[in-house]
Amino acid sequence: MQNEAITTHPVKLALAWGFVGIPLVWGVYMTLQSAMALFG
């Protein structure tokens, strides 16, 4: 087994989080909008 630390460039990490996070936040927002229309 290897115990070497793997470092990731901060810009690459931010882009990866944005690639996942933006659609996730959009989906949650749209779901909440639909729920408010249904129950509001």
PDB file of N, CA and C in Angstrom:
ATOM      1  N   MET A   1       0.843  -1.191   0.000  1.00  0.00           N
ATOM      2  CA  MET A   1       0.000   0.000   0.000  1.00  0.00           C
ATOM      3  C   MET A   1       0.880   1.243   0.000  1.00  0.00           C
ATOM      4  N   GLN A   2       0.365   2.279  -0.590  1.00  0.00           N
ATOM      5  CA  GLN A   2       1.102   3.527  -0.650  1.00  0.00           C
ATOM      6  C   GLN A   2       0.483   4.529   0.307  1.00  0.00           C
ATOM      7  N   ASN A   3       1.332   5.258   0.999  1.00  0.00           N
ATOM      8  CA  ASN A   3       0.870   6.275   1.933  1.00  0.00           C
ATOM      9  C   ASN A   3       1.232   7.671   1.453  1.00  0.00           C
ATOM     10  N   GLU A   4       1.403   7.825   0.155  1.00  0.00           N
ATOM     11  CA  GLU A   4       1.772   9.124  -0.392  1.00  0.00           C
ATOM     12  C   GLU A   4       0.550  10.024  -0.477  1.00  0.00           C
ATOM     13  N   ALA A   5       0.734  11.275  -0.091  1.00  0.00           N
ATOM     14  CA  ALA A   5      -0.358  12.249  -0.193  1.00  0.00           C
ATOM     15  C   ALA A   5      -0.474  12.709  -1.639  1.00  0.00           C
ATOM     16  N   ILE A   6      -1.684  12.792  -2.119  1.00  0.00           N
ATOM     17  CA  ILE A   6      -1.927  13.263  -3.479  1.00  0.00           C
ATOM     18  C   ILE A   6      -2.499  14.667  -3.378  1.00  0.00           C
ATOM     19  N   THR A   7      -1.837  15.615  -4.009  1.00  0.00           N
ATOM     20  CA  THR A   7      -2.319  16.993  -3.965  1.00  0.00           C
ATOM     21  C   THR A   7      -3.029  17.319  -5.271  1.00  0.00           C
ATOM     22  N   THR A   8      -4.070  18.111  -5.157  1.00  0.00           N
ATOM     23  CA  THR A   8      -4.842  18.545  -6.316  1.00  0.00           C
ATOM     24  C   THR A   8      -4.745  20.054  -6.406  1.00  0.00           C
ATOM     25  N   HIS A   9      -4.555  20.552  -7.602  1.00  0.00           N
ATOM     26  CA  HIS A   9      -4.465  21.994  -7.814  1.00  0.00           C
ATOM     27  C   HIS A   9      -5.783  22.646  -7.386  1.00  0.00           C
ATOM     28  N   PRO A  10      -5.721  23.745  -6.619  1.00  0.00           N
ATOM     29  CA  PRO A  10      -6.949  24.384  -6.120  1.00  0.00           C
ATOM     30  C   PRO A  10      -7.927  24.803  -7.216  1.00  0.00           C
ATOM     31  N   VAL A  11      -7.420  25.245  -8.357  1.00  0.00           N
ATOM     32  CA  VAL A  11      -8.308  25.659  -9.448  1.00  0.00           C
ATOM     33  C   VAL A  11      -9.048  24.445  -9.999  1.00  0.00           C
ATOM     34  N   LYS A  12      -8.332  23.346 -10.166  1.00  0.00           N
ATOM     35  CA  LYS A  12      -8.948  22.116 -10.656  1.00  0.00           C
ATOM     36  C   LYS A  12     -10.011  21.623  -9.673  1.00  0.00           C
ATOM     37  N   LEU A  13      -9.713  21.739  -8.388  1.00  0.00           N
ATOM     38  CA  LEU A  13     -10.664  21.333  -7.354  1.00  0.00           C
ATOM     39  C   LEU A  13     -11.907  22.219  -7.374  1.00  0.00           C
ATOM     40  N   ALA A  14     -11.722  23.524  -7.525  1.00  0.00           N
ATOM     41  CA  ALA A  14     -12.857  24.456  -7.582  1.00  0.00           C
ATOM     42  C   ALA A  14     -13.721  24.184  -8.808  1.00  0.00           C
ATOM     43  N   LEU A  15     -13.100  23.904  -9.948  1.00  0.00           N
ATOM     44  CA  LEU A  15     -13.857  23.592 -11.159  1.00  0.00           C
ATOM     45  C   LEU A  15     -14.655  22.301 -10.997  1.00  0.00           C
ATOM     46  N   ALA A  16     -14.058  21.317 -10.358  1.00  0.00           N
ATOM     47  CA  ALA A  16     -14.759  20.051 -10.139  1.00  0.00           C
ATOM     48  C   ALA A  16     -15.960  20.254  -9.222  1.00  0.00           C
ATOM     49  N   TRP A  17     -15.784  21.028  -8.146  1.00  0.00           N
ATOM     50  CA  TRP A  17     -16.900  21.307  -7.242  1.00  0.00           C
ATOM     51  C   TRP A  17     -17.979  22.111  -7.944  1.00  0.00           C
ATOM     52  N   GLY A  18     -17.586  23.053  -8.786  1.00  0.00           N
ATOM     53  CA  GLY A  18     -18.566  23.828  -9.540  1.00  0.00           C
ATOM     54  C   GLY A  18     -19.336  22.959 -10.518  1.00  0.00           C
ATOM     55  N   PHE A  19     -18.631  22.031 -11.143  1.00  0.00           N
ATOM     56  CA  PHE A  19     -19.251  21.121 -12.109  1.00  0.00           C
ATOM     57  C   PHE A  19     -20.324  20.264 -11.443  1.00  0.00           C
ATOM     58  N   VAL A  20     -20.108  19.916 -10.186  1.00  0.00           N
ATOM     59  CA  VAL A  20     -21.076  19.107  -9.440  1.00  0.00           C
ATOM     60  C   VAL A  20     -22.067  19.992  -8.691  1.00  0.00           C
ATOM     61  N   GLY A  21     -21.561  21.051  -8.078  1.00  0.00           N
ATOM     62  CA  GLY A  21     -22.377  21.867  -7.179  1.00  0.00           C
ATOM     63  C   GLY A  21     -23.423  22.719  -7.859  1.00  0.00           C
ATOM     64  N   ILE A  22     -23.090  23.305  -9.009  1.00  0.00           N
ATOM     65  CA  ILE A  22     -24.043  24.201  -9.682  1.00  0.00           C
ATOM     66  C   ILE A  22     -25.300  23.443 -10.119  1.00  0.00           C
ATOM     67  N   PRO A  23     -25.188  22.309 -10.810  1.00  0.00           N
ATOM     68  CA  PRO A  23     -26.416  21.564 -11.146  1.00  0.00           C
ATOM     69  C   PRO A  23     -27.163  21.067  -9.911  1.00  0.00           C
ATOM     70  N   LEU A  24     -26.436  20.718  -8.860  1.00  0.00           N
ATOM     71  CA  LEU A  24     -27.075  20.255  -7.631  1.00  0.00           C
ATOM     72  C   LEU A  24     -27.905  21.365  -7.002  1.00  0.00           C
ATOM     73  N   VAL A  25     -27.325  22.555  -6.882  1.00  0.00           N
ATOM     74  CA  VAL A  25     -28.046  23.693  -6.314  1.00  0.00           C
ATOM     75  C   VAL A  25     -29.238  24.056  -7.197  1.00  0.00           C
ATOM     76  N   TRP A  26     -29.053  24.023  -8.503  1.00  0.00           N
ATOM     77  CA  TRP A  26     -30.148  24.319  -9.437  1.00  0.00           C
ATOM     78  C   TRP A  26     -31.299  23.324  -9.248  1.00  0.00           C
ATOM     79  N   GLY A  27     -30.977  22.046  -9.123  1.00  0.00           N
ATOM     80  CA  GLY A  27     -31.993  21.023  -8.927  1.00  0.00           C
ATOM     81  C   GLY A  27     -32.750  21.195  -7.622  1.00  0.00           C
ATOM     82  N   VAL A  28     -32.042  21.510  -6.556  1.00  0.00           N
ATOM     83  CA  VAL A  28     -32.693  21.746  -5.263  1.00  0.00           C
ATOM     84  C   VAL A  28     -33.595  22.964  -5.355  1.00  0.00           C
ATOM     85  N   TYR A  29     -33.113  24.019  -6.008  1.00  0.00           N
ATOM     86  CA  TYR A  29     -33.902  25.244  -6.156  1.00  0.00           C
ATOM     87  C   TYR A  29     -35.189  24.977  -6.943  1.00  0.00           C
ATOM     88  N   MET A  30     -35.068  24.265  -8.053  1.00  0.00           N
ATOM     89  CA  MET A  30     -36.243  23.967  -8.869  1.00  0.00           C
ATOM     90  C   MET A  30     -37.229  23.062  -8.118  1.00  0.00           C
ATOM     91  N   THR A  31     -36.712  22.122  -7.351  1.00  0.00           N
ATOM     92  CA  THR A  31     -37.574  21.249  -6.555  1.00  0.00           C
ATOM     93  C   THR A  31     -38.334  22.053  -5.510  1.00  0.00           C
ATOM     94  N   LEU A  32     -37.647  22.976  -4.848  1.00  0.00           N
ATOM     95  CA  LEU A  32     -38.312  23.818  -3.850  1.00  0.00           C
ATOM     96  C   LEU A  32     -39.356  24.716  -4.499  1.00  0.00           C
ATOM     97  N   GLN A  33     -39.062  25.230  -5.686  1.00  0.00           N
ATOM     98  CA  GLN A  33     -40.039  26.055  -6.402  1.00  0.00           C
ATOM     99  C   GLN A  33     -41.294  25.236  -6.719  1.00  0.00           C
ATOM    100  N   SER A  34     -41.108  24.012  -7.174  1.00  0.00           N
ATOM    101  CA  SER A  34     -42.249  23.142  -7.489  1.00  0.00           C
ATOM    102  C   SER A  34     -43.039  22.799  -6.230  1.00  0.00           C
ATOM    103  N   ALA A  35     -42.332  22.554  -5.142  1.00  0.00           N
ATOM    104  CA  ALA A  35     -43.005  22.224  -3.887  1.00  0.00           C
ATOM    105  C   ALA A  35     -43.816  23.414  -3.381  1.00  0.00           C
ATOM    106  N   MET A  36     -43.279  24.611  -3.516  1.00  0.00           N
ATOM    107  CA  MET A  36     -44.002  25.809  -3.081  1.00  0.00           C
ATOM    108  C   MET A  36     -45.260  26.008  -3.925  1.00  0.00           C
ATOM    109  N   ALA A  37     -45.177  25.728  -5.211  1.00  0.00           N
ATOM    110  CA  ALA A  37     -46.346  25.864  -6.089  1.00  0.00           C
ATOM    111  C   ALA A  37     -47.403  24.815  -5.733  1.00  0.00           C
ATOM    112  N   LEU A  38     -46.949  23.635  -5.368  1.00  0.00           N
ATOM    113  CA  LEU A  38     -47.873  22.557  -5.028  1.00  0.00           C
ATOM    114  C   LEU A  38     -48.549  22.789  -3.679  1.00  0.00           C
ATOM    115  N   PHE A  39     -47.755  23.171  -2.682  1.00  0.00           N
ATOM    116  CA  PHE A  39     -48.264  23.284  -1.315  1.00  0.00           C
ATOM    117  C   PHE A  39     -48.540  24.714  -0.889  1.00  0.00           C
ATOM    118  N   GLY A  40     -48.141  25.677  -1.687  1.00  0.00           N
ATOM    119  CA  GLY A  40     -48.268  27.072  -1.292  1.00  0.00           C
ATOM    120  C   GLY A  40     -49.513  27.701  -1.668  1.00  0.00           C
TER     121      GLY A  40
END
